[in-house]
Amino acid sequence: MDKREIVIAEYLTGGITYRRLGEKHGIDFRTINSWVMKYKGKERNRHSKIVVKKPTTEAVPADVVQLQKELSAALLHAKLLNAIIDIAEKELKIDIRKKSGTKR
């Protein structure tokens, strides 16, 4: 592993700031930020906007396509259930969802 990979791994696993890593390794914190962003698949352009690299349009395996369809259906199902609960709470005037911090 080269120094760049070590610093990126330490940032991603250690819960340490860019500045502290920079002080520890003698590297400018902005450089470390740039390395981490590139590693995560994001790059900064000249105008300081983060640009996310889009996946290429290569052929996707059939099982991935199937999983994407199932995820889409599950998300739609969850939205439908939430809408039903909202309507029931409004019409029946009772709280159906458990509220956080309630006493037992």
PDB file of N, CA and C in Angstrom:
ATOM      1  N   MET A   1       0.843  -1.180   0.000  1.00  0.00           N
ATOM      2  CA  MET A   1       0.000   0.000   0.000  1.00  0.00           C
ATOM      3  C   MET A   1       0.889   1.246   0.000  1.00  0.00           C
ATOM      4  N   ASP A   2       0.521   2.200  -0.819  1.00  0.00           N
ATOM      5  CA  ASP A   2       1.273   3.448  -0.796  1.00  0.00           C
ATOM      6  C   ASP A   2       0.677   4.386   0.261  1.00  0.00           C
ATOM      7  N   LYS A   3       1.329   5.512   0.469  1.00  0.00           N
ATOM      8  CA  LYS A   3       0.927   6.435   1.526  1.00  0.00           C
ATOM      9  C   LYS A   3      -0.500   6.938   1.319  1.00  0.00           C
ATOM     10  N   ARG A   4      -0.880   7.167   0.057  1.00  0.00           N
ATOM     11  CA  ARG A   4      -2.225   7.654  -0.253  1.00  0.00           C
ATOM     12  C   ARG A   4      -3.280   6.653   0.222  1.00  0.00           C
ATOM     13  N   GLU A   5      -3.073   5.386  -0.084  1.00  0.00           N
ATOM     14  CA  GLU A   5      -4.040   4.364   0.315  1.00  0.00           C
ATOM     15  C   GLU A   5      -4.127   4.234   1.829  1.00  0.00           C
ATOM     16  N   ILE A   6      -2.989   4.364   2.501  1.00  0.00           N
ATOM     17  CA  ILE A   6      -2.967   4.279   3.955  1.00  0.00           C
ATOM     18  C   ILE A   6      -3.765   5.427   4.566  1.00  0.00           C
ATOM     19  N   VAL A   7      -3.557   6.640   4.049  1.00  0.00           N
ATOM     20  CA  VAL A   7      -4.263   7.814   4.570  1.00  0.00           C
ATOM     21  C   VAL A   7      -5.752   7.702   4.314  1.00  0.00           C
ATOM     22  N   ILE A   8      -6.140   7.280   3.119  1.00  0.00           N
ATOM     23  CA  ILE A   8      -7.566   7.121   2.794  1.00  0.00           C
ATOM     24  C   ILE A   8      -8.200   6.085   3.714  1.00  0.00           C
ATOM     25  N   ALA A   9      -7.532   4.946   3.885  1.00  0.00           N
ATOM     26  CA  ALA A   9      -8.065   3.894   4.752  1.00  0.00           C
ATOM     27  C   ALA A   9      -8.190   4.383   6.190  1.00  0.00           C
ATOM     28  N   GLU A  10      -7.206   5.132   6.657  1.00  0.00           N
ATOM     29  CA  GLU A  10      -7.255   5.655   8.024  1.00  0.00           C
ATOM     30  C   GLU A  10      -8.416   6.631   8.193  1.00  0.00           C
ATOM     31  N   TYR A  11      -8.648   7.469   7.186  1.00  0.00           N
ATOM     32  CA  TYR A  11      -9.772   8.414   7.264  1.00  0.00           C
ATOM     33  C   TYR A  11     -11.098   7.667   7.294  1.00  0.00           C
ATOM     34  N   LEU A  12     -11.249   6.681   6.401  1.00  0.00           N
ATOM     35  CA  LEU A  12     -12.523   5.980   6.281  1.00  0.00           C
ATOM     36  C   LEU A  12     -12.827   5.090   7.481  1.00  0.00           C
ATOM     37  N   THR A  13     -11.800   4.620   8.172  1.00  0.00           N
ATOM     38  CA  THR A  13     -12.038   3.711   9.296  1.00  0.00           C
ATOM     39  C   THR A  13     -11.815   4.330  10.662  1.00  0.00           C
ATOM     40  N   GLY A  14     -11.090   5.438  10.718  1.00  0.00           N
ATOM     41  CA  GLY A  14     -10.666   5.935  12.007  1.00  0.00           C
ATOM     42  C   GLY A  14     -11.501   7.016  12.635  1.00  0.00           C
ATOM     43  N   GLY A  15     -12.395   7.637  11.907  1.00  0.00           N
ATOM     44  CA  GLY A  15     -13.164   8.730  12.476  1.00  0.00           C
ATOM     45  C   GLY A  15     -12.291   9.929  12.812  1.00  0.00           C
ATOM     46  N   ILE A  16     -11.294  10.170  12.008  1.00  0.00           N
ATOM     47  CA  ILE A  16     -10.359  11.258  12.218  1.00  0.00           C
ATOM     48  C   ILE A  16     -10.581  12.311  11.132  1.00  0.00           C
ATOM     49  N   THR A  17     -10.358  13.569  11.449  1.00  0.00           N
ATOM     50  CA  THR A  17     -10.614  14.637  10.485  1.00  0.00           C
ATOM     51  C   THR A  17      -9.480  14.732   9.468  1.00  0.00           C
ATOM     52  N   TYR A  18      -9.768  15.415   8.372  1.00  0.00           N
ATOM     53  CA  TYR A  18      -8.748  15.650   7.349  1.00  0.00           C
ATOM     54  C   TYR A  18      -7.573  16.438   7.928  1.00  0.00           C
ATOM     55  N   ARG A  19      -7.895  17.415   8.740  1.00  0.00           N
ATOM     56  CA  ARG A  19      -6.837  18.269   9.313  1.00  0.00           C
ATOM     57  C   ARG A  19      -5.904  17.464  10.215  1.00  0.00           C
ATOM     58  N   ARG A  20      -6.464  16.629  11.071  1.00  0.00           N
ATOM     59  CA  ARG A  20      -5.614  15.825  11.963  1.00  0.00           C
ATOM     60  C   ARG A  20      -4.771  14.831  11.173  1.00  0.00           C
ATOM     61  N   LEU A  21      -5.370  14.245  10.154  1.00  0.00           N
ATOM     62  CA  LEU A  21      -4.596  13.336   9.295  1.00  0.00           C
ATOM     63  C   LEU A  21      -3.471  14.089   8.601  1.00  0.00           C
ATOM     64  N   GLY A  22      -3.772  15.293   8.137  1.00  0.00           N
ATOM     65  CA  GLY A  22      -2.750  16.103   7.483  1.00  0.00           C
ATOM     66  C   GLY A  22      -1.599  16.417   8.411  1.00  0.00           C
ATOM     67  N   GLU A  23      -1.928  16.761   9.659  1.00  0.00           N
ATOM     68  CA  GLU A  23      -0.881  17.041  10.635  1.00  0.00           C
ATOM     69  C   GLU A  23      -0.063  15.783  10.937  1.00  0.00           C
ATOM     70  N   LYS A  24      -0.739  14.656  11.045  1.00  0.00           N
ATOM     71  CA  LYS A  24      -0.073  13.404  11.386  1.00  0.00           C
ATOM     72  C   LYS A  24       0.894  12.948  10.292  1.00  0.00           C
ATOM     73  N   HIS A  25       0.465  13.095   9.025  1.00  0.00           N
ATOM     74  CA  HIS A  25       1.266  12.586   7.904  1.00  0.00           C
ATOM     75  C   HIS A  25       2.027  13.678   7.165  1.00  0.00           C
ATOM     76  N   GLY A  26       1.844  14.918   7.560  1.00  0.00           N
ATOM     77  CA  GLY A  26       2.550  16.006   6.893  1.00  0.00           C
ATOM     78  C   GLY A  26       2.029  16.291   5.495  1.00  0.00           C
ATOM     79  N   ILE A  27       0.715  16.173   5.320  1.00  0.00           N
ATOM     80  CA  ILE A  27       0.072  16.392   4.021  1.00  0.00           C
ATOM     81  C   ILE A  27      -1.017  17.443   4.212  1.00  0.00           C
ATOM     82  N   ASP A  28      -1.202  18.302   3.226  1.00  0.00           N
ATOM     83  CA  ASP A  28      -2.251  19.308   3.301  1.00  0.00           C
ATOM     84  C   ASP A  28      -3.614  18.619   3.364  1.00  0.00           C
ATOM     85  N   PHE A  29      -4.493  19.108   4.241  1.00  0.00           N
ATOM     86  CA  PHE A  29      -5.798  18.459   4.426  1.00  0.00           C
ATOM     87  C   PHE A  29      -6.642  18.497   3.163  1.00  0.00           C
ATOM     88  N   ARG A  30      -6.455  19.511   2.324  1.00  0.00           N
ATOM     89  CA  ARG A  30      -7.229  19.585   1.075  1.00  0.00           C
ATOM     90  C   ARG A  30      -6.824  18.468   0.119  1.00  0.00           C
ATOM     91  N   THR A  31      -5.569  18.096   0.167  1.00  0.00           N
ATOM     92  CA  THR A  31      -5.093  16.987  -0.660  1.00  0.00           C
ATOM     93  C   THR A  31      -5.743  15.685  -0.202  1.00  0.00           C
ATOM     94  N   ILE A  32      -5.810  15.495   1.098  1.00  0.00           N
ATOM     95  CA  ILE A  32      -6.440  14.280   1.637  1.00  0.00           C
ATOM     96  C   ILE A  32      -7.916  14.253   1.267  1.00  0.00           C
ATOM     97  N   ASN A  33      -8.582  15.395   1.361  1.00  0.00           N
ATOM     98  CA  ASN A  33      -9.987  15.486   0.964  1.00  0.00           C
ATOM     99  C   ASN A  33     -10.148  15.085  -0.505  1.00  0.00           C
ATOM    100  N   SER A  34      -9.266  15.573  -1.339  1.00  0.00           N
ATOM    101  CA  SER A  34      -9.318  15.244  -2.766  1.00  0.00           C
ATOM    102  C   SER A  34      -9.132  13.748  -2.989  1.00  0.00           C
ATOM    103  N   TRP A  35      -8.185  13.154  -2.290  1.00  0.00           N
ATOM    104  CA  TRP A  35      -7.951  11.712  -2.417  1.00  0.00           C
ATOM    105  C   TRP A  35      -9.182  10.915  -2.015  1.00  0.00           C
ATOM    106  N   VAL A  36      -9.794  11.294  -0.901  1.00  0.00           N
ATOM    107  CA  VAL A  36     -10.956  10.555  -0.404  1.00  0.00           C
ATOM    108  C   VAL A  36     -12.132  10.704  -1.374  1.00  0.00           C
ATOM    109  N   MET A  37     -12.340  11.912  -1.881  1.00  0.00           N
ATOM    110  CA  MET A  37     -13.431  12.127  -2.834  1.00  0.00           C
ATOM    111  C   MET A  37     -13.224  11.302  -4.101  1.00  0.00           C
ATOM    112  N   LYS A  38     -12.010  11.248  -4.594  1.00  0.00           N
ATOM    113  CA  LYS A  38     -11.730  10.441  -5.782  1.00  0.00           C
ATOM    114  C   LYS A  38     -11.940   8.966  -5.483  1.00  0.00           C
ATOM    115  N   TYR A  39     -11.534   8.538  -4.291  1.00  0.00           N
ATOM    116  CA  TYR A  39     -11.715   7.144  -3.914  1.00  0.00           C
ATOM    117  C   TYR A  39     -13.190   6.776  -3.846  1.00  0.00           C
ATOM    118  N   LYS A  40     -14.010   7.702  -3.344  1.00  0.00           N
ATOM    119  CA  LYS A  40     -15.446   7.446  -3.238  1.00  0.00           C
ATOM    120  C   LYS A  40     -16.158   7.586  -4.578  1.00  0.00           C
ATOM    121  N   GLY A  41     -15.428   7.955  -5.631  1.00  0.00           N
ATOM    122  CA  GLY A  41     -16.053   8.086  -6.939  1.00  0.00           C
ATOM    123  C   GLY A  41     -16.604   9.460  -7.202  1.00  0.00           C
ATOM    124  N   LYS A  42     -16.161  10.440  -6.438  1.00  0.00           N
ATOM    125  CA  LYS A  42     -16.619  11.814  -6.625  1.00  0.00           C
ATOM    126  C   LYS A  42     -15.402  12.666  -6.921  1.00  0.00           C
ATOM    127  N   GLU A  43     -15.560  13.649  -7.737  1.00  0.00           N
ATOM    128  CA  GLU A  43     -14.465  14.551  -8.049  1.00  0.00           C
ATOM    129  C   GLU A  43     -14.953  15.977  -7.942  1.00  0.00           C
ATOM    130  N   ARG A  44     -14.058  16.873  -7.638  1.00  0.00           N
ATOM    131  CA  ARG A  44     -14.397  18.293  -7.603  1.00  0.00           C
ATOM    132  C   ARG A  44     -13.967  18.906  -8.923  1.00  0.00           C
ATOM    133  N   ASN A  45     -14.853  19.711  -9.486  1.00  0.00           N
ATOM    134  CA  ASN A  45     -14.457  20.410 -10.697  1.00  0.00           C
ATOM    135  C   ASN A  45     -13.885  21.767 -10.316  1.00  0.00           C
ATOM    136  N   ARG A  46     -13.570  22.586 -11.262  1.00  0.00           N
ATOM    137  CA  ARG A  46     -12.913  23.862 -10.994  1.00  0.00           C
ATOM    138  C   ARG A  46     -13.783  24.827 -10.206  1.00  0.00           C
ATOM    139  N   HIS A  47     -15.087  24.624 -10.196  1.00  0.00           N
ATOM    140  CA  HIS A  47     -15.998  25.551  -9.530  1.00  0.00           C
ATOM    141  C   HIS A  47     -16.455  25.017  -8.175  1.00  0.00           C
ATOM    142  N   SER A  48     -15.718  24.058  -7.601  1.00  0.00           N
ATOM    143  CA  SER A  48     -15.952  23.503  -6.264  1.00  0.00           C
ATOM    144  C   SER A  48     -17.278  22.774  -6.126  1.00  0.00           C
ATOM    145  N   LYS A  49     -17.849  22.328  -7.203  1.00  0.00           N
ATOM    146  CA  LYS A  49     -19.045  21.501  -7.108  1.00  0.00           C
ATOM    147  C   LYS A  49     -18.595  20.047  -7.154  1.00  0.00           C
ATOM    148  N   ILE A  50     -19.243  19.221  -6.357  1.00  0.00           N
ATOM    149  CA  ILE A  50     -18.899  17.813  -6.374  1.00  0.00           C
ATOM    150  C   ILE A  50     -19.624  17.161  -7.539  1.00  0.00           C
ATOM    151  N   VAL A  51     -18.891  16.448  -8.348  1.00  0.00           N
ATOM    152  CA  VAL A  51     -19.442  15.771  -9.505  1.00  0.00           C
ATOM    153  C   VAL A  51     -19.369  14.277  -9.239  1.00  0.00           C
ATOM    154  N   VAL A  52     -20.497  13.607  -9.291  1.00  0.00           N
ATOM    155  CA  VAL A  52     -20.534  12.174  -9.083  1.00  0.00           C
ATOM    156  C   VAL A  52     -20.372  11.493 -10.431  1.00  0.00           C
ATOM    157  N   LYS A  53     -19.426  10.570 -10.479  1.00  0.00           N
ATOM    158  CA  LYS A  53     -19.222   9.845 -11.731  1.00  0.00           C
ATOM    159  C   LYS A  53     -20.420   8.947 -11.981  1.00  0.00           C
ATOM    160  N   LYS A  54     -20.948   9.014 -13.162  1.00  0.00           N
ATOM    161  CA  LYS A  54     -22.086   8.177 -13.511  1.00  0.00           C
ATOM    162  C   LYS A  54     -21.572   6.825 -13.985  1.00  0.00           C
ATOM    163  N   PRO A  55     -22.285   5.774 -13.646  1.00  0.00           N
ATOM    164  CA  PRO A  55     -21.852   4.459 -14.090  1.00  0.00           C
ATOM    165  C   PRO A  55     -21.926   4.349 -15.615  1.00  0.00           C
ATOM    166  N   THR A  56     -21.038   3.572 -16.127  1.00  0.00           N
ATOM    167  CA  THR A  56     -21.032   3.386 -17.573  1.00  0.00           C
ATOM    168  C   THR A  56     -22.239   2.566 -17.983  1.00  0.00           C
ATOM    169  N   THR A  57     -22.570   2.629 -19.249  1.00  0.00           N
ATOM    170  CA  THR A  57     -23.745   1.918 -19.742  1.00  0.00           C
ATOM    171  C   THR A  57     -23.358   0.540 -20.268  1.00  0.00           C
ATOM    172  N   GLU A  58     -22.564  -0.156 -19.473  1.00  0.00           N
ATOM    173  CA  GLU A  58     -22.198  -1.515 -19.840  1.00  0.00           C
ATOM    174  C   GLU A  58     -23.376  -2.436 -19.556  1.00  0.00           C
ATOM    175  N   ALA A  59     -23.305  -3.627 -20.101  1.00  0.00           N
ATOM    176  CA  ALA A  59     -24.371  -4.598 -19.884  1.00  0.00           C
ATOM    177  C   ALA A  59     -24.431  -4.972 -18.407  1.00  0.00           C
ATOM    178  N   VAL A  60     -25.628  -4.924 -17.847  1.00  0.00           N
ATOM    179  CA  VAL A  60     -25.828  -5.263 -16.449  1.00  0.00           C
ATOM    180  C   VAL A  60     -26.300  -6.712 -16.392  1.00  0.00           C
ATOM    181  N   PRO A  61     -25.724  -7.512 -15.498  1.00  0.00           N
ATOM    182  CA  PRO A  61     -26.148  -8.910 -15.393  1.00  0.00           C
ATOM    183  C   PRO A  61     -27.640  -9.013 -15.084  1.00  0.00           C
ATOM    184  N   ALA A  62     -28.240 -10.098 -15.519  1.00  0.00           N
ATOM    185  CA  ALA A  62     -29.681 -10.300 -15.371  1.00  0.00           C
ATOM    186  C   ALA A  62     -30.105 -10.311 -13.915  1.00  0.00           C
ATOM    187  N   ASP A  63     -29.282 -10.881 -13.020  1.00  0.00           N
ATOM    188  CA  ASP A  63     -29.666 -10.929 -11.613  1.00  0.00           C
ATOM    189  C   ASP A  63     -29.686  -9.531 -10.995  1.00  0.00           C
ATOM    190  N   VAL A  64     -28.822  -8.642 -11.462  1.00  0.00           N
ATOM    191  CA  VAL A  64     -28.817  -7.266 -10.968  1.00  0.00           C
ATOM    192  C   VAL A  64     -30.085  -6.545 -11.427  1.00  0.00           C
ATOM    193  N   VAL A  65     -30.472  -6.769 -12.673  1.00  0.00           N
ATOM    194  CA  VAL A  65     -31.697  -6.162 -13.195  1.00  0.00           C
ATOM    195  C   VAL A  65     -32.899  -6.651 -12.389  1.00  0.00           C
ATOM    196  N   GLN A  66     -32.921  -7.950 -12.083  1.00  0.00           N
ATOM    197  CA  GLN A  66     -34.015  -8.518 -11.296  1.00  0.00           C
ATOM    198  C   GLN A  66     -34.052  -7.904  -9.904  1.00  0.00           C
ATOM    199  N   LEU A  67     -32.889  -7.751  -9.277  1.00  0.00           N
ATOM    200  CA  LEU A  67     -32.825  -7.157  -7.946  1.00  0.00           C
ATOM    201  C   LEU A  67     -33.276  -5.695  -7.969  1.00  0.00           C
ATOM    202  N   GLN A  68     -32.934  -4.973  -9.026  1.00  0.00           N
ATOM    203  CA  GLN A  68     -33.364  -3.582  -9.155  1.00  0.00           C
ATOM    204  C   GLN A  68     -34.882  -3.499  -9.263  1.00  0.00           C
ATOM    205  N   LYS A  69     -35.479  -4.417 -10.009  1.00  0.00           N
ATOM    206  CA  LYS A  69     -36.938  -4.452 -10.141  1.00  0.00           C
ATOM    207  C   LYS A  69     -37.596  -4.761  -8.798  1.00  0.00           C
ATOM    208  N   GLU A  70     -37.025  -5.720  -8.059  1.00  0.00           N
ATOM    209  CA  GLU A  70     -37.578  -6.078  -6.761  1.00  0.00           C
ATOM    210  C   GLU A  70     -37.450  -4.917  -5.773  1.00  0.00           C
ATOM    211  N   LEU A  71     -36.323  -4.216  -5.805  1.00  0.00           N
ATOM    212  CA  LEU A  71     -36.138  -3.064  -4.937  1.00  0.00           C
ATOM    213  C   LEU A  71     -37.151  -1.981  -5.262  1.00  0.00           C
ATOM    214  N   SER A  72     -37.358  -1.753  -6.532  1.00  0.00           N
ATOM    215  CA  SER A  72     -38.336  -0.750  -6.969  1.00  0.00           C
ATOM    216  C   SER A  72     -39.725  -1.110  -6.457  1.00  0.00           C
ATOM    217  N   ALA A  73     -40.085  -2.371  -6.573  1.00  0.00           N
ATOM    218  CA  ALA A  73     -41.398  -2.826  -6.113  1.00  0.00           C
ATOM    219  C   ALA A  73     -41.507  -2.694  -4.597  1.00  0.00           C
ATOM    220  N   ALA A  74     -40.445  -3.019  -3.869  1.00  0.00           N
ATOM    221  CA  ALA A  74     -40.466  -2.921  -2.415  1.00  0.00           C
ATOM    222  C   ALA A  74     -40.602  -1.466  -1.958  1.00  0.00           C
ATOM    223  N   LEU A  75     -39.910  -0.555  -2.631  1.00  0.00           N
ATOM    224  CA  LEU A  75     -40.020   0.864  -2.288  1.00  0.00           C
ATOM    225  C   LEU A  75     -41.423   1.388  -2.551  1.00  0.00           C
ATOM    226  N   LEU A  76     -42.009   0.970  -3.666  1.00  0.00           N
ATOM    227  CA  LEU A  76     -43.377   1.376  -3.981  1.00  0.00           C
ATOM    228  C   LEU A  76     -44.359   0.825  -2.951  1.00  0.00           C
ATOM    229  N   HIS A  77     -44.123  -0.419  -2.539  1.00  0.00           N
ATOM    230  CA  HIS A  77     -44.975  -1.056  -1.527  1.00  0.00           C
ATOM    231  C   HIS A  77     -44.883  -0.292  -0.201  1.00  0.00           C
ATOM    232  N   ALA A  78     -43.672   0.098   0.191  1.00  0.00           N
ATOM    233  CA  ALA A  78     -43.483   0.850   1.437  1.00  0.00           C
ATOM    234  C   ALA A  78     -44.200   2.196   1.373  1.00  0.00           C
ATOM    235  N   LYS A  79     -44.122   2.878   0.231  1.00  0.00           N
ATOM    236  CA  LYS A  79     -44.819   4.161   0.073  1.00  0.00           C
ATOM    237  C   LYS A  79     -46.323   3.969   0.183  1.00  0.00           C
ATOM    238  N   LEU A  80     -46.819   2.904  -0.416  1.00  0.00           N
ATOM    239  CA  LEU A  80     -48.249   2.602  -0.357  1.00  0.00           C
ATOM    240  C   LEU A  80     -48.703   2.343   1.072  1.00  0.00           C
ATOM    241  N   LEU A  81     -47.924   1.553   1.817  1.00  0.00           N
ATOM    242  CA  LEU A  81     -48.276   1.270   3.204  1.00  0.00           C
ATOM    243  C   LEU A  81     -48.266   2.537   4.044  1.00  0.00           C
ATOM    244  N   ASN A  82     -47.279   3.408   3.833  1.00  0.00           N
ATOM    245  CA  ASN A  82     -47.232   4.674   4.567  1.00  0.00           C
ATOM    246  C   ASN A  82     -48.436   5.552   4.242  1.00  0.00           C
ATOM    247  N   ALA A  83     -48.837   5.559   2.978  1.00  0.00           N
ATOM    248  CA  ALA A  83     -50.008   6.344   2.585  1.00  0.00           C
ATOM    249  C   ALA A  83     -51.276   5.796   3.237  1.00  0.00           C
ATOM    250  N   ILE A  84     -51.396   4.480   3.297  1.00  0.00           N
ATOM    251  CA  ILE A  84     -52.561   3.862   3.930  1.00  0.00           C
ATOM    252  C   ILE A  84     -52.608   4.209   5.420  1.00  0.00           C
ATOM    253  N   ILE A  85     -51.463   4.159   6.083  1.00  0.00           N
ATOM    254  CA  ILE A  85     -51.407   4.501   7.506  1.00  0.00           C
ATOM    255  C   ILE A  85     -51.774   5.963   7.709  1.00  0.00           C
ATOM    256  N   ASP A  86     -51.267   6.848   6.849  1.00  0.00           N
ATOM    257  CA  ASP A  86     -51.595   8.278   6.949  1.00  0.00           C
ATOM    258  C   ASP A  86     -53.101   8.506   6.829  1.00  0.00           C
ATOM    259  N   ILE A  87     -53.715   7.855   5.857  1.00  0.00           N
ATOM    260  CA  ILE A  87     -55.155   8.003   5.643  1.00  0.00           C
ATOM    261  C   ILE A  87     -55.930   7.458   6.844  1.00  0.00           C
ATOM    262  N   ALA A  88     -55.515   6.295   7.337  1.00  0.00           N
ATOM    263  CA  ALA A  88     -56.202   5.697   8.480  1.00  0.00           C
ATOM    264  C   ALA A  88     -56.082   6.584   9.711  1.00  0.00           C
ATOM    265  N   GLU A  89     -54.899   7.137   9.960  1.00  0.00           N
ATOM    266  CA  GLU A  89     -54.722   8.028  11.112  1.00  0.00           C
ATOM    267  C   GLU A  89     -55.598   9.272  10.996  1.00  0.00           C
ATOM    268  N   LYS A  90     -55.692   9.803   9.770  1.00  0.00           N
ATOM    269  CA  LYS A  90     -56.485  11.014   9.552  1.00  0.00           C
ATOM    270  C   LYS A  90     -57.980  10.739   9.724  1.00  0.00           C
ATOM    271  N   GLU A  91     -58.468   9.653   9.122  1.00  0.00           N
ATOM    272  CA  GLU A  91     -59.894   9.372   9.160  1.00  0.00           C
ATOM    273  C   GLU A  91     -60.360   8.823  10.510  1.00  0.00           C
ATOM    274  N   LEU A  92     -59.529   7.980  11.143  1.00  0.00           N
ATOM    275  CA  LEU A  92     -59.924   7.374  12.411  1.00  0.00           C
ATOM    276  C   LEU A  92     -59.510   8.203  13.617  1.00  0.00           C
ATOM    277  N   LYS A  93     -58.678   9.199  13.363  1.00  0.00           N
ATOM    278  CA  LYS A  93     -58.193  10.099  14.420  1.00  0.00           C
ATOM    279  C   LYS A  93     -57.532   9.346  15.568  1.00  0.00           C
ATOM    280  N   ILE A  94     -56.729   8.347  15.207  1.00  0.00           N
ATOM    281  CA  ILE A  94     -55.924   7.629  16.200  1.00  0.00           C
ATOM    282  C   ILE A  94     -54.491   7.517  15.678  1.00  0.00           C
ATOM    283  N   ASP A  95     -53.543   7.471  16.609  1.00  0.00           N
ATOM    284  CA  ASP A  95     -52.147   7.306  16.217  1.00  0.00           C
ATOM    285  C   ASP A  95     -51.849   5.833  16.028  1.00  0.00           C
ATOM    286  N   ILE A  96     -51.431   5.476  14.834  1.00  0.00           N
ATOM    287  CA  ILE A  96     -51.108   4.091  14.537  1.00  0.00           C
ATOM    288  C   ILE A  96     -49.607   3.853  14.672  1.00  0.00           C
ATOM    289  N   ARG A  97     -48.824   4.797  14.211  1.00  0.00           N
ATOM    290  CA  ARG A  97     -47.368   4.675  14.291  1.00  0.00           C
ATOM    291  C   ARG A  97     -46.910   4.867  15.727  1.00  0.00           C
ATOM    292  N   LYS A  98     -45.906   4.092  16.104  1.00  0.00           N
ATOM    293  CA  LYS A  98     -45.328   4.230  17.431  1.00  0.00           C
ATOM    294  C   LYS A  98     -44.493   5.496  17.468  1.00  0.00           C
ATOM    295  N   LYS A  99     -44.697   6.308  18.448  1.00  0.00           N
ATOM    296  CA  LYS A  99     -43.953   7.550  18.596  1.00  0.00           C
ATOM    297  C   LYS A  99     -42.699   7.259  19.401  1.00  0.00           C
ATOM    298  N   SER A 100     -41.589   7.897  19.010  1.00  0.00           N
ATOM    299  CA  SER A 100     -40.353   7.677  19.739  1.00  0.00           C
ATOM    300  C   SER A 100     -40.420   8.370  21.092  1.00  0.00           C
ATOM    301  N   GLY A 101     -39.799   7.765  22.082  1.00  0.00           N
ATOM    302  CA  GLY A 101     -39.757   8.367  23.398  1.00  0.00           C
ATOM    303  C   GLY A 101     -41.005   8.136  24.226  1.00  0.00           C
ATOM    304  N   THR A 102     -41.872   7.214  23.814  1.00  0.00           N
ATOM    305  CA  THR A 102     -43.076   6.966  24.595  1.00  0.00           C
ATOM    306  C   THR A 102     -42.731   6.154  25.834  1.00  0.00           C
ATOM    307  N   LYS A 103     -43.542   6.315  26.878  1.00  0.00           N
ATOM    308  CA  LYS A 103     -43.320   5.573  28.124  1.00  0.00           C
ATOM    309  C   LYS A 103     -43.873   4.180  27.977  1.00  0.00           C
ATOM    310  N   ARG A 104     -43.217   3.250  28.652  1.00  0.00           N
ATOM    311  CA  ARG A 104     -43.671   1.853  28.581  1.00  0.00           C
ATOM    312  C   ARG A 104     -44.576   1.526  29.724  1.00  0.00           C
TER     313      ARG A 104
END
